[in-house]
């Protein structure tokens, strides 16, 4: 059995916490800072584990990617689709309050449920269900992973300079050029929901992860470099540089690969420091990194617990519990901290309880 790379697990744990914090709608500068690099980390860490052996065993890789990304997304999306109208009945969703763009959702008819089920299975739309707003990531990483593997297999060894990492660099450069072409001409990939821009960025960062794995032993990490990266990212946040959003500009082709990469390097250094000091923080972050799927699935519905507290604290309309993702009134308070704690902690507690009950039932069954 391969030894787990706990430093990368901690990277993922930090990234998932930052994602939840971003959805909690905290102070503007902090949100700008987080969005510069938190999602690229997931693509970089996925690329980190890519192996050249998949070039000759591609079907195994595709199967693993579908099992790890497609199946969880479809399963949980269908579960939340079936519960959608029930969420209306209990008040977790309503037709009055929605997200910050005033988007609201409605109870579904049978026809709408069927259409959404088809969208989930065949399009991996990612935004079909309000309470699973972050699920675009599963589609983006699936497409990215398979596309990168296909391009790598196509290019590797075709020319002398395309051997190994030469092919990876070529893929990254081609993806950057394609991003510039698409953004400059307003072109979208119509066969991919949301136009494929996130998949385009994903290929770039996936390649960065592959390269980082190859040269990791040569990269000298130091706290001064990590501090420099932090300062650069704060500057980028002040300048409102963009993350992996759906409205990219040409300047993003130059800035996003840089902020995403140095953000990962900064977090990787911090993760390495934490990894070398066993304790509660290390254990928690490794566990969070290993449970990212469940935090993705349950963090928004976990926010509702904090929304209920905020409603009682300020005496707000109870209908606001249907706000997506959080209640937007009193936006300058510190409730974003509670949203973050609940969005990470409650899914982990629920899964701990579920696994405990499952283990107990298994033991009982074996005894019988």
Foldseek 3Di string as FASTA:
>chain_A
DDDDPLLLLLLLLVLLLLVLLLQLQADQLSNLLNQLASLLSVLLSLLLPDDPVCLVVVVVVLVVLCVVQLVLQLVLVLVCLVCVVVCVVVLLFDQQAEEPVRDGDDDDDPVRSVVLNCCCNQAVQQCSHLLLNRSVSSVLSSLLSSVLSVQLSVQDPPDPCNHDLSSLVVQLVVLLVVLLVCQVVVAFDVSHHLRCQSSSVSNNSSSVSNVCSVCVVVDDDDVVLLVVLSVVSSVSSVVSQGHSDSNDHNVCSVRSVVNNVSVSSSSSSVSVVLVVDDDDSSVLSSVSSVVSSLLSSCLQVLLLVLQVVVCVVVVHDSSQSNYPRHRPPPSNDDSSVVSSCSSRPVSVVVVVVVVVVVVVVVVVVVVD
